[in-house]
Amino acid sequence: MTSLNLTIEGMTCEHCVRAVRGRLERTPGVKVDDVQVGSAKLEYDPAKTDVDEIESAIADEGYTAFVAG
């Protein structure tokens, strides 16, 4: 598993947090550690998914995600 910290733009409330957490939990190979307004910490299996797919999953919920750095 590879650790990943994301910055997520467009989140404003707990509904946003639940939407992002739920979508990440449904993404194969992803283990969610924490989701807060504006960020997410997770681990993923590179054999099952990659950063682009994770960012795309979050975009499907209406938010913009990128690797925190």
PDB file of N, CA and C in Angstrom:
ATOM      1  N   MET A   1       0.854  -1.185   0.000  1.00  0.00           N
ATOM      2  CA  MET A   1       0.000   0.000   0.000  1.00  0.00           C
ATOM      3  C   MET A   1       0.896   1.244   0.000  1.00  0.00           C
ATOM      4  N   THR A   2       0.431   2.246  -0.735  1.00  0.00           N
ATOM      5  CA  THR A   2       1.139   3.518  -0.854  1.00  0.00           C
ATOM      6  C   THR A   2       0.305   4.604  -0.195  1.00  0.00           C
ATOM      7  N   SER A   3       0.935   5.411   0.651  1.00  0.00           N
ATOM      8  CA  SER A   3       0.234   6.510   1.320  1.00  0.00           C
ATOM      9  C   SER A   3       0.051   7.675   0.362  1.00  0.00           C
ATOM     10  N   LEU A   4      -1.066   8.381   0.531  1.00  0.00           N
ATOM     11  CA  LEU A   4      -1.373   9.521  -0.332  1.00  0.00           C
ATOM     12  C   LEU A   4      -2.113  10.569   0.482  1.00  0.00           C
ATOM     13  N   ASN A   5      -1.635  11.813   0.409  1.00  0.00           N
ATOM     14  CA  ASN A   5      -2.315  12.952   1.022  1.00  0.00           C
ATOM     15  C   ASN A   5      -2.819  13.838  -0.104  1.00  0.00           C
ATOM     16  N   LEU A   6      -4.099  14.132  -0.083  1.00  0.00           N
ATOM     17  CA  LEU A   6      -4.716  14.940  -1.129  1.00  0.00           C
ATOM     18  C   LEU A   6      -5.248  16.252  -0.567  1.00  0.00           C
ATOM     19  N   THR A   7      -5.140  17.296  -1.350  1.00  0.00           N
ATOM     20  CA  THR A   7      -5.843  18.545  -1.106  1.00  0.00           C
ATOM     21  C   THR A   7      -7.070  18.500  -2.006  1.00  0.00           C
ATOM     22  N   ILE A   8      -8.227  18.853  -1.445  1.00  0.00           N
ATOM     23  CA  ILE A   8      -9.469  18.782  -2.212  1.00  0.00           C
ATOM     24  C   ILE A   8     -10.153  20.141  -2.163  1.00  0.00           C
ATOM     25  N   GLU A   9     -10.356  20.723  -3.337  1.00  0.00           N
ATOM     26  CA  GLU A   9     -11.004  22.028  -3.435  1.00  0.00           C
ATOM     27  C   GLU A   9     -12.504  21.859  -3.660  1.00  0.00           C
ATOM     28  N   GLY A  10     -13.278  22.766  -3.085  1.00  0.00           N
ATOM     29  CA  GLY A  10     -14.715  22.774  -3.291  1.00  0.00           C
ATOM     30  C   GLY A  10     -15.511  22.178  -2.143  1.00  0.00           C
ATOM     31  N   MET A  11     -14.833  21.575  -1.178  1.00  0.00           N
ATOM     32  CA  MET A  11     -15.531  21.007  -0.026  1.00  0.00           C
ATOM     33  C   MET A  11     -15.826  22.113   0.977  1.00  0.00           C
ATOM     34  N   THR A  12     -17.066  22.127   1.509  1.00  0.00           N
ATOM     35  CA  THR A  12     -17.432  23.187   2.452  1.00  0.00           C
ATOM     36  C   THR A  12     -18.106  22.683   3.727  1.00  0.00           C
ATOM     37  N   CYS A  13     -18.489  21.390   3.760  1.00  0.00           N
ATOM     38  CA  CYS A  13     -19.289  20.934   4.895  1.00  0.00           C
ATOM     39  C   CYS A  13     -19.155  19.418   5.098  1.00  0.00           C
ATOM     40  N   GLU A  14     -19.847  18.923   6.107  1.00  0.00           N
ATOM     41  CA  GLU A  14     -19.811  17.499   6.410  1.00  0.00           C
ATOM     42  C   GLU A  14     -20.456  16.653   5.308  1.00  0.00           C
ATOM     43  N   HIS A  15     -21.433  17.215   4.603  1.00  0.00           N
ATOM     44  CA  HIS A  15     -22.009  16.486   3.466  1.00  0.00           C
ATOM     45  C   HIS A  15     -20.918  16.205   2.435  1.00  0.00           C
ATOM     46  N   CYS A  16     -20.076  17.191   2.179  1.00  0.00           N
ATOM     47  CA  CYS A  16     -18.963  17.020   1.234  1.00  0.00           C
ATOM     48  C   CYS A  16     -18.026  15.911   1.719  1.00  0.00           C
ATOM     49  N   VAL A  17     -17.729  15.930   3.000  1.00  0.00           N
ATOM     50  CA  VAL A  17     -16.843  14.920   3.585  1.00  0.00           C
ATOM     51  C   VAL A  17     -17.434  13.530   3.390  1.00  0.00           C
ATOM     52  N   ARG A  18     -18.712  13.362   3.676  1.00  0.00           N
ATOM     53  CA  ARG A  18     -19.362  12.059   3.517  1.00  0.00           C
ATOM     54  C   ARG A  18     -19.367  11.614   2.058  1.00  0.00           C
ATOM     55  N   ALA A  19     -19.611  12.553   1.140  1.00  0.00           N
ATOM     56  CA  ALA A  19     -19.644  12.212  -0.283  1.00  0.00           C
ATOM     57  C   ALA A  19     -18.273  11.736  -0.759  1.00  0.00           C
ATOM     58  N   VAL A  20     -17.226  12.451  -0.383  1.00  0.00           N
ATOM     59  CA  VAL A  20     -15.872  12.072  -0.803  1.00  0.00           C
ATOM     60  C   VAL A  20     -15.456  10.764  -0.144  1.00  0.00           C
ATOM     61  N   ARG A  21     -15.705  10.630   1.161  1.00  0.00           N
ATOM     62  CA  ARG A  21     -15.335   9.395   1.858  1.00  0.00           C
ATOM     63  C   ARG A  21     -16.046   8.192   1.222  1.00  0.00           C
ATOM     64  N   GLY A  22     -17.323   8.333   0.960  1.00  0.00           N
ATOM     65  CA  GLY A  22     -18.081   7.230   0.371  1.00  0.00           C
ATOM     66  C   GLY A  22     -17.557   6.835  -0.988  1.00  0.00           C
ATOM     67  N   ARG A  23     -17.229   7.821  -1.802  1.00  0.00           N
ATOM     68  CA  ARG A  23     -16.710   7.529  -3.146  1.00  0.00           C
ATOM     69  C   ARG A  23     -15.349   6.866  -3.066  1.00  0.00           C
ATOM     70  N   LEU A  24     -14.489   7.342  -2.176  1.00  0.00           N
ATOM     71  CA  LEU A  24     -13.167   6.731  -2.021  1.00  0.00           C
ATOM     72  C   LEU A  24     -13.285   5.301  -1.508  1.00  0.00           C
ATOM     73  N   GLU A  25     -14.205   5.066  -0.579  1.00  0.00           N
ATOM     74  CA  GLU A  25     -14.374   3.718  -0.034  1.00  0.00           C
ATOM     75  C   GLU A  25     -14.877   2.743  -1.086  1.00  0.00           C
ATOM     76  N   ARG A  26     -15.534   3.231  -2.126  1.00  0.00           N
ATOM     77  CA  ARG A  26     -16.018   2.370  -3.208  1.00  0.00           C
ATOM     78  C   ARG A  26     -14.978   2.179  -4.317  1.00  0.00           C
ATOM     79  N   THR A  27     -13.839   2.849  -4.198  1.00  0.00           N
ATOM     80  CA  THR A  27     -12.787   2.742  -5.207  1.00  0.00           C
ATOM     81  C   THR A  27     -11.918   1.528  -4.892  1.00  0.00           C
ATOM     82  N   PRO A  28     -11.818   0.559  -5.817  1.00  0.00           N
ATOM     83  CA  PRO A  28     -11.018  -0.644  -5.558  1.00  0.00           C
ATOM     84  C   PRO A  28      -9.569  -0.305  -5.212  1.00  0.00           C
ATOM     85  N   GLY A  29      -9.066  -0.951  -4.168  1.00  0.00           N
ATOM     86  CA  GLY A  29      -7.675  -0.790  -3.784  1.00  0.00           C
ATOM     87  C   GLY A  29      -7.396   0.399  -2.881  1.00  0.00           C
ATOM     88  N   VAL A  30      -8.454   1.118  -2.453  1.00  0.00           N
ATOM     89  CA  VAL A  30      -8.269   2.305  -1.618  1.00  0.00           C
ATOM     90  C   VAL A  30      -8.712   2.007  -0.188  1.00  0.00           C
ATOM     91  N   LYS A  31      -7.865   2.397   0.771  1.00  0.00           N
ATOM     92  CA  LYS A  31      -8.205   2.337   2.196  1.00  0.00           C
ATOM     93  C   LYS A  31      -8.162   3.769   2.720  1.00  0.00           C
ATOM     94  N   VAL A  32      -9.305   4.278   3.145  1.00  0.00           N
ATOM     95  CA  VAL A  32      -9.419   5.665   3.610  1.00  0.00           C
ATOM     96  C   VAL A  32      -8.959   5.748   5.061  1.00  0.00           C
ATOM     97  N   ASP A  33      -8.008   6.652   5.317  1.00  0.00           N
ATOM     98  CA  ASP A  33      -7.562   6.897   6.689  1.00  0.00           C
ATOM     99  C   ASP A  33      -8.343   8.045   7.315  1.00  0.00           C
ATOM    100  N   ASP A  34      -8.517   9.153   6.555  1.00  0.00           N
ATOM    101  CA  ASP A  34      -9.191  10.325   7.101  1.00  0.00           C
ATOM    102  C   ASP A  34      -9.654  11.225   5.960  1.00  0.00           C
ATOM    103  N   VAL A  35     -10.834  11.787   6.102  1.00  0.00           N
ATOM    104  CA  VAL A  35     -11.320  12.798   5.164  1.00  0.00           C
ATOM    105  C   VAL A  35     -11.840  13.961   5.995  1.00  0.00           C
ATOM    106  N   GLN A  36     -11.379  15.156   5.674  1.00  0.00           N
ATOM    107  CA  GLN A  36     -11.837  16.375   6.320  1.00  0.00           C
ATOM    108  C   GLN A  36     -12.153  17.379   5.226  1.00  0.00           C
ATOM    109  N   VAL A  37     -12.818  18.473   5.592  1.00  0.00           N
ATOM    110  CA  VAL A  37     -13.088  19.512   4.610  1.00  0.00           C
ATOM    111  C   VAL A  37     -11.743  19.981   4.048  1.00  0.00           C
ATOM    112  N   GLY A  38     -11.546  19.760   2.751  1.00  0.00           N
ATOM    113  CA  GLY A  38     -10.336  20.225   2.079  1.00  0.00           C
ATOM    114  C   GLY A  38      -9.189  19.248   1.978  1.00  0.00           C
ATOM    115  N   SER A  39      -9.339  18.039   2.549  1.00  0.00           N
ATOM    116  CA  SER A  39      -8.213  17.103   2.474  1.00  0.00           C
ATOM    117  C   SER A  39      -8.659  15.657   2.690  1.00  0.00           C
ATOM    118  N   ALA A  40      -7.787  14.766   2.255  1.00  0.00           N
ATOM    119  CA  ALA A  40      -8.001  13.342   2.492  1.00  0.00           C
ATOM    120  C   ALA A  40      -6.652  12.663   2.649  1.00  0.00           C
ATOM    121  N   LYS A  41      -6.604  11.704   3.560  1.00  0.00           N
ATOM    122  CA  LYS A  41      -5.427  10.863   3.749  1.00  0.00           C
ATOM    123  C   LYS A  41      -5.883   9.438   3.489  1.00  0.00           C
ATOM    124  N   LEU A  42      -5.140   8.736   2.654  1.00  0.00           N
ATOM    125  CA  LEU A  42      -5.528   7.377   2.319  1.00  0.00           C
ATOM    126  C   LEU A  42      -4.323   6.549   1.933  1.00  0.00           C
ATOM    127  N   GLU A  43      -4.556   5.275   1.767  1.00  0.00           N
ATOM    128  CA  GLU A  43      -3.569   4.355   1.232  1.00  0.00           C
ATOM    129  C   GLU A  43      -4.215   3.675   0.041  1.00  0.00           C
ATOM    130  N   TYR A  44      -3.385   3.354  -0.963  1.00  0.00           N
ATOM    131  CA  TYR A  44      -3.931   2.661  -2.125  1.00  0.00           C
ATOM    132  C   TYR A  44      -2.961   1.611  -2.618  1.00  0.00           C
ATOM    133  N   ASP A  45      -3.517   0.620  -3.276  1.00  0.00           N
ATOM    134  CA  ASP A  45      -2.743  -0.468  -3.855  1.00  0.00           C
ATOM    135  C   ASP A  45      -2.474  -0.122  -5.316  1.00  0.00           C
ATOM    136  N   PRO A  46      -1.208   0.179  -5.676  1.00  0.00           N
ATOM    137  CA  PRO A  46      -0.894   0.558  -7.054  1.00  0.00           C
ATOM    138  C   PRO A  46      -1.222  -0.525  -8.090  1.00  0.00           C
ATOM    139  N   ALA A  47      -1.410  -1.754  -7.655  1.00  0.00           N
ATOM    140  CA  ALA A  47      -1.786  -2.818  -8.580  1.00  0.00           C
ATOM    141  C   ALA A  47      -3.270  -2.734  -8.945  1.00  0.00           C
ATOM    142  N   LYS A  48      -4.059  -1.992  -8.142  1.00  0.00           N
ATOM    143  CA  LYS A  48      -5.498  -1.912  -8.372  1.00  0.00           C
ATOM    144  C   LYS A  48      -5.978  -0.543  -8.835  1.00  0.00           C
ATOM    145  N   THR A  49      -5.238   0.518  -8.507  1.00  0.00           N
ATOM    146  CA  THR A  49      -5.639   1.873  -8.881  1.00  0.00           C
ATOM    147  C   THR A  49      -4.419   2.771  -8.894  1.00  0.00           C
ATOM    148  N   ASP A  50      -4.596   3.997  -9.353  1.00  0.00           N
ATOM    149  CA  ASP A  50      -3.499   4.960  -9.336  1.00  0.00           C
ATOM    150  C   ASP A  50      -4.034   6.336  -8.947  1.00  0.00           C
ATOM    151  N   VAL A  51      -3.131   7.289  -8.817  1.00  0.00           N
ATOM    152  CA  VAL A  51      -3.508   8.629  -8.362  1.00  0.00           C
ATOM    153  C   VAL A  51      -4.514   9.268  -9.315  1.00  0.00           C
ATOM    154  N   ASP A  52      -4.315   9.103 -10.607  1.00  0.00           N
ATOM    155  CA  ASP A  52      -5.252   9.694 -11.571  1.00  0.00           C
ATOM    156  C   ASP A  52      -6.670   9.163 -11.385  1.00  0.00           C
ATOM    157  N   GLU A  53      -6.798   7.859 -11.158  1.00  0.00           N
ATOM    158  CA  GLU A  53      -8.127   7.276 -10.948  1.00  0.00           C
ATOM    159  C   GLU A  53      -8.757   7.781  -9.657  1.00  0.00           C
ATOM    160  N   ILE A  54      -7.939   7.946  -8.623  1.00  0.00           N
ATOM    161  CA  ILE A  54      -8.444   8.449  -7.342  1.00  0.00           C
ATOM    162  C   ILE A  54      -8.921   9.892  -7.506  1.00  0.00           C
ATOM    163  N   GLU A  55      -8.112  10.718  -8.177  1.00  0.00           N
ATOM    164  CA  GLU A  55      -8.513  12.107  -8.421  1.00  0.00           C
ATOM    165  C   GLU A  55      -9.775  12.166  -9.275  1.00  0.00           C
ATOM    166  N   SER A  56      -9.893  11.273 -10.242  1.00  0.00           N
ATOM    167  CA  SER A  56     -11.076  11.222 -11.102  1.00  0.00           C
ATOM    168  C   SER A  56     -12.321  10.826 -10.297  1.00  0.00           C
ATOM    169  N   ALA A  57     -12.167   9.887  -9.371  1.00  0.00           N
ATOM    170  CA  ALA A  57     -13.293   9.469  -8.530  1.00  0.00           C
ATOM    171  C   ALA A  57     -13.812  10.648  -7.709  1.00  0.00           C
ATOM    172  N   ILE A  58     -12.891  11.444  -7.184  1.00  0.00           N
ATOM    173  CA  ILE A  58     -13.293  12.622  -6.410  1.00  0.00           C
ATOM    174  C   ILE A  58     -13.943  13.658  -7.323  1.00  0.00           C
ATOM    175  N   ALA A  59     -13.421  13.801  -8.531  1.00  0.00           N
ATOM    176  CA  ALA A  59     -14.015  14.728  -9.503  1.00  0.00           C
ATOM    177  C   ALA A  59     -15.439  14.316  -9.846  1.00  0.00           C
ATOM    178  N   ASP A  60     -15.719  13.007  -9.858  1.00  0.00           N
ATOM    179  CA  ASP A  60     -17.073  12.520 -10.121  1.00  0.00           C
ATOM    180  C   ASP A  60     -18.061  13.040  -9.077  1.00  0.00           C
ATOM    181  N   GLU A  61     -17.561  13.353  -7.878  1.00  0.00           N
ATOM    182  CA  GLU A  61     -18.408  13.893  -6.811  1.00  0.00           C
ATOM    183  C   GLU A  61     -18.507  15.419  -6.884  1.00  0.00           C
ATOM    184  N   GLY A  62     -17.753  16.037  -7.807  1.00  0.00           N
ATOM    185  CA  GLY A  62     -17.840  17.478  -7.992  1.00  0.00           C
ATOM    186  C   GLY A  62     -16.732  18.295  -7.352  1.00  0.00           C
ATOM    187  N   TYR A  63     -15.644  17.635  -6.944  1.00  0.00           N
ATOM    188  CA  TYR A  63     -14.552  18.329  -6.285  1.00  0.00           C
ATOM    189  C   TYR A  63     -13.264  18.150  -7.065  1.00  0.00           C
ATOM    190  N   THR A  64     -12.303  19.032  -6.834  1.00  0.00           N
ATOM    191  CA  THR A  64     -11.013  18.952  -7.496  1.00  0.00           C
ATOM    192  C   THR A  64      -9.976  18.506  -6.486  1.00  0.00           C
ATOM    193  N   ALA A  65      -9.291  17.410  -6.793  1.00  0.00           N
ATOM    194  CA  ALA A  65      -8.285  16.863  -5.886  1.00  0.00           C
ATOM    195  C   ALA A  65      -6.917  16.872  -6.554  1.00  0.00           C
ATOM    196  N   PHE A  66      -5.905  17.108  -5.746  1.00  0.00           N
ATOM    197  CA  PHE A  66      -4.532  17.001  -6.222  1.00  0.00           C
ATOM    198  C   PHE A  66      -3.632  16.616  -5.052  1.00  0.00           C
ATOM    199  N   VAL A  67      -2.494  16.046  -5.394  1.00  0.00           N
ATOM    200  CA  VAL A  67      -1.561  15.575  -4.370  1.00  0.00           C
ATOM    201  C   VAL A  67      -1.069  16.766  -3.555  1.00  0.00           C
ATOM    202  N   ALA A  68      -1.201  16.655  -2.249  1.00  0.00           N
ATOM    203  CA  ALA A  68      -0.737  17.714  -1.361  1.00  0.00           C
ATOM    204  C   ALA A  68       0.795  17.724  -1.359  1.00  0.00           C
ATOM    205  N   GLY A  69       1.337  18.914  -1.343  1.00  0.00           N
ATOM    206  CA  GLY A  69       2.795  18.936  -1.375  1.00  0.00           C
ATOM    207  C   GLY A  69       3.408  20.201  -1.065  1.00  0.00           C
TER     208      GLY A  69
END
